[in-house]
């Protein structure tokens, strides 16, 4: 999967990886892994490379977590949230 993350100054309200993880009920390390393996992470990083999640990013990652909780594999869930493909167990 092609990388979507861009280094820039985030606009609007954003959350760091720990705050995003708390909102989603998953470990911060899980968010970092999903970002690294499946490119399901924040669309923008700070100039220093820090992940900053906006509301759209949170919604995308929340959908991935819901799909996984429902039995989809992480890879399949990532395809769904990034490409709108149907999940495969």
Foldseek 3Di string as FASTA:
>chain_A
DDAQEDEDDDDDDWDFLCVLCVVLVHDSVVQVCCCVPLVLFANYAYNVGTGIHDPLSSVLVSQLVVVVVVPFDSNQSSCCSVPVDDTDD
